[in-house]
Each structure stands twice: as structure tokens, then as C-alpha cells.
Amino acid sequence: MFILEETMIRMLGAIACAALLASPLETSAAPLPLEMLTDVPLSGKSTRFDYASLDSGNHRLFIAHLGDSAVIAFDTGRNRVVADIPGIDHVHGVLVVPELGRVYASATFRNEIAVIDERSLKVVKRIPGGVYPDGMAYAPHQKKLYVSDEHGRTETVIDTRTNRRISTLSLNSEVGNSQYDPSSGHVFVNAQTAGKLIEIDPDTDRIVASHPLPGCSGPHGLLIDPSDRTAFVACQDNHRLLALDLETMKVAASSGIGEDPDVLTIDPGRRRLYVAAESGIVSVFDLSKGMKKIGEGKIGDDAHVVAVDPATHRVYFPLKDVGGIPVLRIMK
């Protein structure tokens, strides 16, 4: 029975892949500079995915399967699922920290952070994470994890050496994603309803600055490019991408993107930025020329999660329903 089911899943995935290749991707700008490689069937039901995080050195992509309350561990070398890690209720954020051999996953139903051992792929600890824990950032020198408590309007600070919550910072705003900036050594957090970028010093766990984001309504997605000291902010409510110069704290560039943008990722070698939106639209920018949009188009329904492997330049999109099954769409 298992062999027949697996064969059926792979056939459905192949049919969906062929259909995609037979018809061009929808576009609202230049065509996407991406080629289809394959759709790999994922485990679980056709339910919503959320964040993904890649350990390129170990060829492991960790995907939050929110609707299944599980984290999927995917082998990017062999293109197959190696494990499902269950019991992480309504998992939203996922962040792998290779130097610790740990994966952190935010479970919004239980308002906790699950700590997963990267080798055994088992949950080894659960930590209180606020009212609605979502995105996360890791400060390596202080060995602290910063968790966006979206509805609790706070930032939760966890000591990864003891796996204990050590501080809760009030932001007086719904909270978007958090990112660590290696140049300043500070953590930056999107204050969604306040329309600002909050700056935190991990040495003291104090807010040191609050930066306005003119032209941005509902800052949610966030990515920091340390190579040119830029913070890219995805504005959820007015569908724009801002490039904030972290030296001057001024907006250096702005561009329209897909409706309801969510996850951002960067291919540092090719200087390409990918912005995935709930509408299924993905926008691609060339960062070697400032912030030039070089393509935009629909990847698939709910294609709001994206990850890129800097070694292979492969781009990964978890999709909850392609031909009735969840798949990982791999492009290059």
C-alpha cells in the first residue's frame, strides 16, 4: 500500500510540474529569471506552510508546516524529506542555527519556542515565547534568540545556553519579523502598526532607536544585507519594498511588489533578492544595480515562502496544494 501511495504522489507531482512548464508564469513585469527544475512531493496534508530556514553546510532545509503543526526536514542534496518533527502546534517561524546544532520553531497555539536537535531531529526543550511568537533572529556573540511576539506587542529574549526566557521588551506595536545585523551587532524588528524599525542592543537588551519608515504601511517582512548595510522591509498593507540605508537610516529605494508580501531571502553570490507574497507573486531584484527589479510573476497559490541555497543558487518554494498534494517547488 505504501509503495502504491508513494508512486501515486510522485505521478501527481510530475503532472503538476509538466503543467507548469507547458504554460508560462503569470507576470506583471519582466518574466521571472527562474527555470523550473522539479516539484518534490512533501509529507503531510495540503495545509499552509510558513517560514523556512536553510543550513546549506548540512544540506538541510527546515520548513514550518503550519497547518500540520510540524517542521519538515528536507535533504537538499538528495531532494527528499528526511523527517517530520511533529507536535509544534501551529508552527510559524523556524530558524536553524548551525553553530549550535539547533533549530528553533515558534508554536503559536501553545505560545512557545520548540528547540530541535539538528542531528536527532527531536524536540529537546520547550520555552515560553510570548502571546503569538512568530519570526526569530539569533545574536551569535551573546548567544541570544530574539522572538517577534506579533500579537503580544513584545520581543521575547531567550538565552540559548540555558534555554530560558531572560527578557521581554515592550514594543507598543504589533510585531513583524526580526533580523540580526552583524555589522552593528544589533537586532532590528519591524513594528507593524507603528510603521517603524526598532533597534535593540543585545548586550543590554534595550531599545536604542526607533527608525521611521516613510512610505511603508504595515512593515512585516525584513531582511538585512550586511554586505552593503541595507535593511529590506516588505510593507504588507501597501505592497511595497523599501531599502533602508543602515548608515543614514534613510530610505534609499522603494518599489512595488506582489500583494501581501511576506518572506524575503537573498542569494549573496548573485546579488539577487527574492520577495514572496501571499498572492503567489514573487518579485526578484538585482542588488548589484541598487535595487533594480528584474522580474516578477506568479509561482503558485500561496507562494509566500522562499529560501535560496547560496552554493547551488537553487530557489525553494513550499506550496500547499499542487495537484492535491503539498510540494516543494525547486527552481534555479
Protein backbone atom coordinates (compact mmCIF):
# COMPACT_ATOMS: atom_id res chain seq x y z
CA MET A 1 0.00 0.00 0.00
CA PHE A 2 2.81 2.46 0.91
CA ILE A 3 4.62 1.86 -2.40
CA LEU A 4 1.42 2.44 -4.39
CA GLU A 5 0.65 5.64 -2.47
CA GLU A 6 4.19 6.96 -2.93
CA THR A 7 4.06 6.17 -6.65
CA MET A 8 0.72 7.99 -6.97
CA ILE A 9 2.11 11.07 -5.17
CA ARG A 10 5.13 11.23 -7.44
CA MET A 11 2.94 10.88 -10.55
CA LEU A 12 0.73 13.75 -9.39
CA GLY A 13 3.80 15.86 -8.72
CA ALA A 14 5.19 15.11 -12.17
CA ILE A 15 1.86 16.04 -13.80
CA ALA A 16 1.77 19.34 -11.94
CA CYS A 17 5.36 20.06 -12.93
CA ALA A 18 4.62 19.36 -16.60
CA ALA A 19 1.59 21.64 -16.47
CA LEU A 20 3.69 24.48 -15.09
CA LEU A 21 6.33 24.06 -17.79
CA ALA A 22 3.68 23.95 -20.52
CA SER A 23 2.24 27.34 -19.59
CA PRO A 24 4.28 30.47 -18.86
CA LEU A 25 4.21 32.01 -15.39
CA GLU A 26 1.91 34.96 -14.94
CA THR A 27 3.85 38.19 -14.82
CA SER A 28 3.25 41.82 -14.00
CA ALA A 29 6.75 42.97 -15.02
CA ALA A 30 9.62 41.26 -16.84
CA PRO A 31 9.42 37.45 -16.76
CA LEU A 32 10.89 35.77 -13.74
CA PRO A 33 14.58 34.95 -14.23
CA LEU A 34 13.96 31.41 -12.95
CA GLU A 35 13.85 27.98 -14.54
CA MET A 36 11.68 25.16 -13.27
CA LEU A 37 13.65 22.16 -12.03
CA THR A 38 11.12 19.94 -10.25
CA ASP A 39 8.27 19.62 -7.80
CA VAL A 40 9.13 17.25 -4.97
CA PRO A 41 6.14 15.88 -3.01
CA LEU A 42 6.24 16.76 0.68
CA SER A 43 4.80 14.82 3.56
CA GLY A 44 1.62 15.73 5.37
CA LYS A 45 -1.63 17.26 4.25
CA SER A 46 -2.35 20.11 1.83
CA THR A 47 -2.23 22.77 4.54
CA ARG A 48 -0.50 26.10 4.99
CA PHE A 49 3.29 26.48 5.20
CA ASP A 50 5.13 29.35 6.85
CA TYR A 51 8.82 30.22 7.26
CA ALA A 52 11.73 28.10 6.02
CA SER A 53 15.39 28.11 7.09
CA LEU A 54 18.40 26.54 5.35
CA ASP A 55 21.58 25.00 6.75
CA SER A 56 23.49 24.89 3.48
CA GLY A 57 26.54 23.22 5.05
CA ASN A 58 24.47 20.21 6.12
CA HIS A 59 22.13 20.34 3.11
CA ARG A 60 19.06 20.67 5.32
CA LEU A 61 16.08 22.87 4.64
CA PHE A 62 13.67 23.19 7.57
CA ILE A 63 10.10 24.13 6.64
CA ALA A 64 7.33 25.18 9.02
CA HIS A 65 4.24 23.15 8.04
CA LEU A 66 1.87 25.36 9.97
CA GLY A 67 -1.35 23.52 9.11
CA ASP A 68 0.15 20.17 10.14
CA SER A 69 1.85 21.55 13.30
CA ALA A 70 5.14 20.01 12.19
CA VAL A 71 8.58 21.01 10.93
CA ILE A 72 9.72 19.23 7.77
CA ALA A 73 13.43 18.42 7.44
CA PHE A 74 14.30 18.27 3.74
CA ASP A 75 17.60 16.99 2.29
CA THR A 76 18.56 19.47 -0.47
CA GLY A 77 21.32 17.16 -1.74
CA ARG A 78 19.04 14.17 -2.31
CA ASN A 79 15.81 16.12 -2.83
CA ARG A 80 13.79 14.19 -0.29
CA VAL A 81 12.09 14.56 3.07
CA VAL A 82 14.20 13.01 5.84
CA ALA A 83 11.91 13.67 8.79
CA ASP A 84 8.71 15.22 10.06
CA ILE A 85 9.05 16.74 13.52
CA PRO A 86 5.52 16.77 14.98
CA GLY A 87 3.90 18.36 17.99
CA ILE A 88 4.79 22.01 17.26
CA ASP A 89 1.29 23.44 17.35
CA HIS A 90 0.63 25.98 14.58
CA VAL A 91 4.33 26.41 13.85
CA HIS A 92 5.06 29.77 12.21
CA GLY A 93 8.71 30.71 12.48
CA VAL A 94 11.65 28.36 12.01
CA LEU A 95 15.33 29.25 12.32
CA VAL A 96 18.31 26.90 12.11
CA VAL A 97 21.49 27.92 13.95
CA PRO A 98 24.24 25.61 12.62
CA GLU A 99 26.85 26.68 15.17
CA LEU A 100 24.57 25.42 17.95
CA GLY A 101 23.27 22.39 16.08
CA ARG A 102 19.77 23.60 16.91
CA VAL A 103 16.59 24.52 15.09
CA TYR A 104 14.13 26.89 16.78
CA ALA A 105 10.44 26.79 15.90
CA SER A 106 7.71 29.11 17.17
CA ALA A 107 4.44 27.38 18.08
CA THR A 108 1.69 29.98 18.23
CA PHE A 109 -1.02 27.64 19.57
CA ARG A 110 0.99 26.93 22.73
CA ASN A 111 2.84 30.27 22.70
CA GLU A 112 6.21 28.58 22.98
CA ILE A 113 9.51 28.02 21.22
CA ALA A 114 10.40 24.41 20.45
CA VAL A 115 14.13 23.64 20.46
CA ILE A 116 15.02 20.87 17.98
CA ASP A 117 18.31 18.98 17.93
CA GLU A 118 19.56 19.17 14.34
CA ARG A 119 21.19 15.74 14.48
CA SER A 120 18.46 13.67 16.12
CA LEU A 121 15.63 15.83 14.70
CA LYS A 122 13.83 15.61 18.04
CA VAL A 123 12.37 18.36 20.23
CA VAL A 124 14.65 18.68 23.26
CA LYS A 125 13.14 21.71 25.01
CA ARG A 126 10.11 23.99 25.01
CA ILE A 127 10.39 27.63 26.13
CA PRO A 128 7.67 30.26 26.76
CA GLY A 129 7.67 32.55 23.73
CA GLY A 130 5.08 35.28 24.32
CA VAL A 131 1.47 35.55 23.19
CA TYR A 132 1.92 34.85 19.45
CA PRO A 133 5.58 34.01 18.68
CA ASP A 134 6.48 34.33 15.02
CA GLY A 135 9.78 35.36 13.37
CA MET A 136 13.17 34.93 15.06
CA ALA A 137 16.73 36.26 14.95
CA TYR A 138 19.93 34.98 16.56
CA ALA A 139 22.66 37.19 18.05
CA PRO A 140 25.77 34.96 17.93
CA HIS A 141 28.09 36.85 20.28
CA GLN A 142 25.55 36.97 23.10
CA LYS A 143 24.05 33.59 22.13
CA LYS A 144 20.57 35.01 22.40
CA LEU A 145 17.43 34.32 20.40
CA TYR A 146 15.03 37.20 19.69
CA VAL A 147 11.42 36.25 19.01
CA SER A 148 8.77 38.51 17.47
CA ASP A 149 5.65 38.29 19.63
CA GLU A 150 3.29 39.56 16.96
CA HIS A 151 0.06 39.96 18.92
CA GLY A 152 1.66 40.38 22.34
CA ARG A 153 3.41 43.51 21.01
CA THR A 154 6.73 42.48 22.54
CA GLU A 155 10.10 40.94 21.72
CA THR A 156 11.00 37.83 23.72
CA VAL A 157 14.68 37.26 24.51
CA ILE A 158 15.95 33.71 25.12
CA ASP A 159 19.38 32.64 26.37
CA THR A 160 20.27 29.69 24.12
CA ARG A 161 22.89 28.42 26.59
CA THR A 162 20.26 27.77 29.25
CA ASN A 163 17.16 27.66 27.01
CA ARG A 164 15.44 30.14 29.30
CA ARG A 165 13.50 33.32 28.60
CA ILE A 166 15.52 36.15 30.13
CA SER A 167 13.73 39.30 29.00
CA THR A 168 10.56 40.67 27.41
CA LEU A 169 10.78 44.01 25.63
CA SER A 170 7.60 46.05 25.11
CA LEU A 171 7.38 47.48 21.58
CA ASN A 172 3.88 49.04 21.85
CA SER A 173 3.07 47.73 18.39
CA GLU A 174 2.17 44.54 16.61
CA VAL A 175 5.46 42.98 15.65
CA GLY A 176 6.76 41.79 12.28
CA ASN A 177 9.95 39.89 11.60
CA SER A 178 13.26 40.22 13.46
CA GLN A 179 16.76 40.22 11.93
CA TYR A 180 20.33 40.36 13.25
CA ASP A 181 22.78 42.84 11.71
CA PRO A 182 26.37 41.55 12.01
CA SER A 183 27.86 44.95 11.19
CA SER A 184 26.31 46.82 14.11
CA GLY A 185 25.79 43.75 16.27
CA HIS A 186 22.21 44.90 16.82
CA VAL A 187 18.84 43.25 16.30
CA PHE A 188 16.23 45.02 14.18
CA VAL A 189 12.49 44.41 14.50
CA ASN A 190 9.56 45.58 12.40
CA ALA A 191 6.93 47.44 14.42
CA GLN A 192 3.97 46.74 12.12
CA THR A 193 1.26 49.03 13.43
CA ALA A 194 3.70 51.80 14.41
CA GLY A 195 5.35 51.80 10.96
CA LYS A 196 8.86 51.80 12.41
CA LEU A 197 12.02 49.73 12.58
CA ILE A 198 13.08 49.11 16.17
CA GLU A 199 16.77 48.71 17.01
CA ILE A 200 17.84 46.59 20.01
CA ASP A 201 21.28 46.26 21.62
CA PRO A 202 21.75 42.57 22.57
CA ASP A 203 24.39 43.47 25.17
CA THR A 204 21.84 45.32 27.29
CA ASP A 205 18.54 44.10 25.78
CA ARG A 206 17.40 47.68 25.49
CA ILE A 207 15.79 49.54 22.63
CA VAL A 208 18.38 52.05 21.41
CA ALA A 209 16.50 53.61 18.49
CA SER A 210 13.20 53.70 16.63
CA HIS A 211 13.51 54.47 12.92
CA PRO A 212 10.57 55.77 10.84
CA LEU A 213 9.74 54.01 7.57
CA PRO A 214 8.15 56.66 5.35
CA GLY A 215 6.04 55.22 2.56
CA CYS A 216 5.61 51.88 4.32
CA SER A 217 2.26 50.67 5.68
CA GLY A 218 2.41 47.51 7.77
CA PRO A 219 6.12 46.60 7.76
CA HIS A 220 6.22 42.82 8.18
CA GLY A 221 8.92 41.03 6.18
CA LEU A 222 12.51 42.02 6.95
CA LEU A 223 15.93 41.07 5.62
CA ILE A 224 19.32 42.62 6.32
CA ASP A 225 22.08 42.56 3.72
CA PRO A 226 25.30 43.11 5.67
CA SER A 227 27.44 43.45 2.54
CA ASP A 228 26.09 46.93 1.81
CA ARG A 229 24.43 47.70 5.16
CA THR A 230 20.88 47.71 3.89
CA ALA A 231 17.63 46.61 5.54
CA PHE A 232 14.93 45.48 3.11
CA VAL A 233 11.43 45.96 4.50
CA ALA A 234 8.34 44.37 2.95
CA CYS A 235 5.29 46.56 3.57
CA GLN A 236 2.30 44.27 3.88
CA ASP A 237 -0.55 46.77 3.66
CA ASN A 238 0.58 48.86 0.68
CA HIS A 239 2.59 46.17 -1.13
CA ARG A 240 5.94 47.95 -1.31
CA LEU A 241 9.57 47.09 -0.72
CA LEU A 242 11.83 49.64 0.97
CA ALA A 243 15.62 49.65 1.03
CA LEU A 244 16.74 51.37 4.24
CA ASP A 245 20.36 52.53 4.38
CA LEU A 246 21.60 51.40 7.81
CA GLU A 247 24.32 54.06 7.82
CA THR A 248 22.00 57.02 7.33
CA MET A 249 18.72 55.35 8.36
CA LYS A 250 17.12 56.88 5.29
CA VAL A 251 15.05 55.12 2.62
CA ALA A 252 17.35 54.69 -0.37
CA ALA A 253 14.89 52.99 -2.73
CA SER A 254 11.28 51.86 -2.96
CA SER A 255 9.41 49.56 -5.34
CA GLY A 256 6.02 47.97 -5.80
CA ILE A 257 5.81 44.21 -5.17
CA GLY A 258 3.16 41.48 -5.03
CA GLU A 259 0.06 41.87 -2.88
CA ASP A 260 0.55 40.98 0.80
CA PRO A 261 4.35 40.40 0.79
CA ASP A 262 5.77 38.11 3.44
CA VAL A 263 9.15 36.32 3.24
CA LEU A 264 12.40 37.71 1.79
CA THR A 265 15.67 35.95 1.02
CA ILE A 266 18.91 36.82 -0.73
CA ASP A 267 21.38 34.98 -2.96
CA PRO A 268 24.55 36.81 -1.90
CA GLY A 269 26.76 35.43 -4.68
CA ARG A 270 24.46 36.54 -7.46
CA ARG A 271 23.21 39.62 -5.58
CA ARG A 272 19.58 38.70 -6.09
CA LEU A 273 16.79 39.45 -3.66
CA TYR A 274 13.57 37.41 -3.69
CA VAL A 275 10.31 38.67 -2.16
CA ALA A 276 7.45 36.18 -1.86
CA ALA A 277 3.85 37.30 -1.34
CA GLU A 278 0.64 35.68 -0.11
CA SER A 279 -0.84 36.41 -3.55
CA GLY A 280 1.64 33.93 -5.03
CA ILE A 281 3.61 36.70 -6.73
CA VAL A 282 7.40 36.61 -6.39
CA SER A 283 9.49 39.70 -7.15
CA VAL A 284 13.20 39.45 -7.98
CA PHE A 285 15.67 42.33 -7.62
CA ASP A 286 19.24 42.77 -8.82
CA LEU A 287 21.15 44.32 -5.92
CA SER A 288 24.31 44.91 -7.91
CA LYS A 289 22.50 47.86 -9.52
CA GLY A 290 20.99 49.38 -6.40
CA MET A 291 17.57 47.70 -6.15
CA LYS A 292 16.50 47.02 -9.72
CA LYS A 293 13.50 44.79 -10.28
CA ILE A 294 14.44 42.24 -12.94
CA GLY A 295 11.37 40.02 -12.85
CA GLU A 296 8.02 39.36 -11.26
CA GLY A 297 5.45 36.63 -11.65
CA LYS A 298 3.19 34.07 -10.04
CA ILE A 299 4.91 30.95 -8.75
CA GLY A 300 1.77 29.31 -7.38
CA ASP A 301 -1.13 29.81 -4.98
CA ASP A 302 0.03 30.94 -1.51
CA ALA A 303 3.68 31.00 -2.59
CA HIS A 304 4.59 33.32 0.27
CA VAL A 305 7.66 31.38 1.49
CA VAL A 306 11.04 31.33 -0.26
CA ALA A 307 14.54 30.06 0.54
CA VAL A 308 17.70 30.06 -1.56
CA ASP A 309 20.84 27.92 -1.41
CA PRO A 310 23.86 30.24 -1.87
CA ALA A 311 26.04 27.33 -3.01
CA THR A 312 23.79 25.96 -5.77
CA HIS A 313 21.65 29.09 -6.37
CA ARG A 314 18.57 26.88 -6.23
CA VAL A 315 15.40 28.59 -5.03
CA TYR A 316 12.81 26.73 -2.96
CA PHE A 317 9.07 27.44 -2.68
CA PRO A 318 6.88 25.26 -0.42
CA LEU A 319 3.38 25.09 -1.93
CA LYS A 320 0.49 23.61 -0.01
CA ASP A 321 -1.60 22.26 -2.90
CA VAL A 322 -0.35 21.23 -6.32
CA GLY A 323 -2.49 18.50 -7.84
CA GLY A 324 -3.95 17.81 -4.40
CA ILE A 325 -0.65 17.37 -2.55
CA PRO A 326 1.93 19.65 -0.90
CA VAL A 327 5.15 20.06 -2.86
CA LEU A 328 8.47 21.82 -2.70
CA ARG A 329 8.91 23.69 -5.97
CA ILE A 330 12.61 23.90 -6.85
CA MET A 331 13.81 26.43 -9.41
CA LYS A 332 17.15 27.91 -10.47
